[in-house]
Amino acid sequence: MDDDEVEAIRRRKLAELQQYQDQAMAQQQMREQAMAQRQTILRQILTPEARERLGRIELAYPELADSIENQLIALAQSGRVQRAIDDATLKQILERVMPKRRDIKIERR
């Protein structure tokens, strides 16, 4: 291979790498924008206490918190949320959604 061919390959690889980086940056920017929109909607429909509770749930059960957030956002976008959801209402929603705990009782005879 002569120098021109090597330089052409190098330029082509560099262009591919740059295009890949640009796509990755665009995807990251879109994810950040979507998260900002989610947080804005949640701030509008949840009281500070309810947001705090949801944040604590997110620490313990990230999948559950994500599911609840999606449901709340869907309700808000469909216009089914007339007033802000307070902590008591969020507790009721969580009781319906969270799996029932089974208490284990050991009886000694």
C-alpha atoms as a PDB file:
ATOM      1  CA  MET A   1       0.000   0.000   0.000  1.00  0.00           C
ATOM      2  CA  ASP A   2       1.238   3.421  -0.766  1.00  0.00           C
ATOM      3  CA  ASP A   3       0.851   6.478   1.452  1.00  0.00           C
ATOM      4  CA  ASP A   4      -2.210   7.813  -0.397  1.00  0.00           C
ATOM      5  CA  GLU A   5      -4.193   4.627   0.232  1.00  0.00           C
ATOM      6  CA  VAL A   6      -3.237   4.533   3.905  1.00  0.00           C
ATOM      7  CA  GLU A   7      -4.179   8.187   4.303  1.00  0.00           C
ATOM      8  CA  ALA A   8      -7.555   7.592   2.573  1.00  0.00           C
ATOM      9  CA  ILE A   9      -8.302   4.666   4.898  1.00  0.00           C
ATOM     10  CA  ARG A  10      -7.273   6.737   7.902  1.00  0.00           C
ATOM     11  CA  ARG A  11      -9.550   9.620   6.857  1.00  0.00           C
ATOM     12  CA  ARG A  12     -12.456   7.245   6.237  1.00  0.00           C
ATOM     13  CA  LYS A  13     -12.028   5.614   9.659  1.00  0.00           C
ATOM     14  CA  LEU A  14     -11.776   9.019  11.307  1.00  0.00           C
ATOM     15  CA  ALA A  15     -14.986  10.145   9.558  1.00  0.00           C
ATOM     16  CA  GLU A  16     -16.777   6.973  10.707  1.00  0.00           C
ATOM     17  CA  LEU A  17     -15.608   7.520  14.276  1.00  0.00           C
ATOM     18  CA  GLN A  18     -16.741  11.147  14.207  1.00  0.00           C
ATOM     19  CA  GLN A  19     -20.147  10.129  12.854  1.00  0.00           C
ATOM     20  CA  TYR A  20     -20.492   7.493  15.596  1.00  0.00           C
ATOM     21  CA  GLN A  21     -19.626  10.051  18.276  1.00  0.00           C
ATOM     22  CA  ASP A  22     -22.111  12.547  16.847  1.00  0.00           C
ATOM     23  CA  GLN A  23     -24.866   9.925  16.916  1.00  0.00           C
ATOM     24  CA  ALA A  24     -24.015   8.953  20.489  1.00  0.00           C
ATOM     25  CA  MET A  25     -24.108  12.593  21.580  1.00  0.00           C
ATOM     26  CA  ALA A  26     -27.461  13.129  19.854  1.00  0.00           C
ATOM     27  CA  GLN A  27     -28.929  10.065  21.557  1.00  0.00           C
ATOM     28  CA  GLN A  28     -27.619  11.184  24.940  1.00  0.00           C
ATOM     29  CA  GLN A  29     -29.088  14.632  24.407  1.00  0.00           C
ATOM     30  CA  MET A  30     -32.473  13.124  23.494  1.00  0.00           C
ATOM     31  CA  ARG A  31     -32.428  10.942  26.641  1.00  0.00           C
ATOM     32  CA  GLU A  32     -31.607  13.949  28.813  1.00  0.00           C
ATOM     33  CA  GLN A  33     -34.373  15.972  27.167  1.00  0.00           C
ATOM     34  CA  ALA A  34     -36.909  13.173  27.745  1.00  0.00           C
ATOM     35  CA  MET A  35     -35.876  12.891  31.402  1.00  0.00           C
ATOM     36  CA  ALA A  36     -36.237  16.651  31.835  1.00  0.00           C
ATOM     37  CA  GLN A  37     -39.751  16.504  30.344  1.00  0.00           C
ATOM     38  CA  ARG A  38     -40.667  13.622  32.682  1.00  0.00           C
ATOM     39  CA  GLN A  39     -39.415  15.542  35.710  1.00  0.00           C
ATOM     40  CA  THR A  40     -41.332  18.653  34.646  1.00  0.00           C
ATOM     41  CA  ILE A  41     -44.576  16.707  34.321  1.00  0.00           C
ATOM     42  CA  LEU A  42     -44.027  14.956  37.659  1.00  0.00           C
ATOM     43  CA  ARG A  43     -43.294  18.292  39.333  1.00  0.00           C
ATOM     44  CA  GLN A  44     -46.594  19.617  38.010  1.00  0.00           C
ATOM     45  CA  ILE A  45     -48.771  16.702  39.133  1.00  0.00           C
ATOM     46  CA  LEU A  46     -47.123  15.680  42.432  1.00  0.00           C
ATOM     47  CA  THR A  47     -46.864  17.596  45.677  1.00  0.00           C
ATOM     48  CA  PRO A  48     -43.365  17.915  47.177  1.00  0.00           C
ATOM     49  CA  GLU A  49     -44.141  15.236  49.767  1.00  0.00           C
ATOM     50  CA  ALA A  50     -45.354  12.816  47.097  1.00  0.00           C
ATOM     51  CA  ARG A  51     -42.246  13.492  44.974  1.00  0.00           C
ATOM     52  CA  GLU A  52     -40.089  12.794  48.016  1.00  0.00           C
ATOM     53  CA  ARG A  53     -41.876   9.485  48.651  1.00  0.00           C
ATOM     54  CA  LEU A  54     -41.498   8.505  45.007  1.00  0.00           C
ATOM     55  CA  GLY A  55     -37.793   9.332  45.233  1.00  0.00           C
ATOM     56  CA  ARG A  56     -37.381   7.040  48.231  1.00  0.00           C
ATOM     57  CA  ILE A  57     -39.224   4.272  46.418  1.00  0.00           C
ATOM     58  CA  GLU A  58     -36.936   4.763  43.451  1.00  0.00           C
ATOM     59  CA  LEU A  59     -33.943   4.037  45.673  1.00  0.00           C
ATOM     60  CA  ALA A  60     -35.411   0.747  46.881  1.00  0.00           C
ATOM     61  CA  TYR A  61     -37.403  -0.366  43.825  1.00  0.00           C
ATOM     62  CA  PRO A  62     -36.190   1.442  40.661  1.00  0.00           C
ATOM     63  CA  GLU A  63     -38.357  -0.620  38.287  1.00  0.00           C
ATOM     64  CA  LEU A  64     -41.475  -0.038  40.364  1.00  0.00           C
ATOM     65  CA  ALA A  65     -40.819   3.698  40.601  1.00  0.00           C
ATOM     66  CA  ASP A  66     -40.292   3.889  36.837  1.00  0.00           C
ATOM     67  CA  SER A  67     -43.551   2.031  36.241  1.00  0.00           C
ATOM     68  CA  ILE A  68     -45.464   4.328  38.596  1.00  0.00           C
ATOM     69  CA  GLU A  69     -43.931   7.417  37.000  1.00  0.00           C
ATOM     70  CA  ASN A  70     -44.972   6.157  33.557  1.00  0.00           C
ATOM     71  CA  GLN A  71     -48.527   5.566  34.772  1.00  0.00           C
ATOM     72  CA  LEU A  72     -48.741   8.997  36.402  1.00  0.00           C
ATOM     73  CA  ILE A  73     -47.386  10.703  33.292  1.00  0.00           C
ATOM     74  CA  ALA A  74     -49.877   8.816  31.113  1.00  0.00           C
ATOM     75  CA  LEU A  75     -52.717   9.915  33.390  1.00  0.00           C
ATOM     76  CA  ALA A  76     -51.536  13.524  33.267  1.00  0.00           C
ATOM     77  CA  GLN A  77     -51.176  13.512  29.484  1.00  0.00           C
ATOM     78  CA  SER A  78     -54.636  12.037  29.035  1.00  0.00           C
ATOM     79  CA  GLY A  79     -56.090  14.785  31.244  1.00  0.00           C
ATOM     80  CA  ARG A  80     -57.272  12.466  34.004  1.00  0.00           C
ATOM     81  CA  VAL A  81     -55.363  14.322  36.757  1.00  0.00           C
ATOM     82  CA  GLN A  82     -57.468  17.302  37.860  1.00  0.00           C
ATOM     83  CA  ARG A  83     -55.420  18.320  40.905  1.00  0.00           C
ATOM     84  CA  ALA A  84     -51.975  17.646  42.298  1.00  0.00           C
ATOM     85  CA  ILE A  85     -51.471  14.153  43.688  1.00  0.00           C
ATOM     86  CA  ASP A  86     -50.636  14.399  47.370  1.00  0.00           C
ATOM     87  CA  ASP A  87     -48.774  11.941  49.581  1.00  0.00           C
ATOM     88  CA  ALA A  88     -51.924  10.170  50.794  1.00  0.00           C
ATOM     89  CA  THR A  89     -53.159   9.600  47.244  1.00  0.00           C
ATOM     90  CA  LEU A  90     -49.746   8.320  46.185  1.00  0.00           C
ATOM     91  CA  LYS A  91     -49.803   5.901  49.153  1.00  0.00           C
ATOM     92  CA  GLN A  92     -53.148   4.541  47.926  1.00  0.00           C
ATOM     93  CA  ILE A  93     -51.757   4.085  44.422  1.00  0.00           C
ATOM     94  CA  LEU A  94     -48.702   2.316  45.819  1.00  0.00           C
ATOM     95  CA  GLU A  95     -50.803  -0.032  47.936  1.00  0.00           C
ATOM     96  CA  ARG A  96     -52.621  -1.152  44.806  1.00  0.00           C
ATOM     97  CA  VAL A  97     -49.485  -1.514  42.716  1.00  0.00           C
ATOM     98  CA  MET A  98     -46.932  -2.946  45.134  1.00  0.00           C
ATOM     99  CA  PRO A  99     -46.924  -6.685  45.671  1.00  0.00           C
ATOM    100  CA  LYS A 100     -48.443  -7.898  48.892  1.00  0.00           C
ATOM    101  CA  ARG A 101     -45.971  -8.764  51.590  1.00  0.00           C
ATOM    102  CA  ARG A 102     -46.275 -12.134  53.167  1.00  0.00           C
ATOM    103  CA  ASP A 103     -45.671 -12.179  56.870  1.00  0.00           C
ATOM    104  CA  ILE A 104     -43.883 -15.223  58.124  1.00  0.00           C
ATOM    105  CA  LYS A 105     -44.950 -16.307  61.555  1.00  0.00           C
ATOM    106  CA  ILE A 106     -43.109 -18.956  63.442  1.00  0.00           C
ATOM    107  CA  GLU A 107     -45.064 -20.618  66.187  1.00  0.00           C
ATOM    108  CA  ARG A 108     -43.233 -22.542  68.844  1.00  0.00           C
ATOM    109  CA  ARG A 109     -45.013 -25.344  70.651  1.00  0.00           C
END
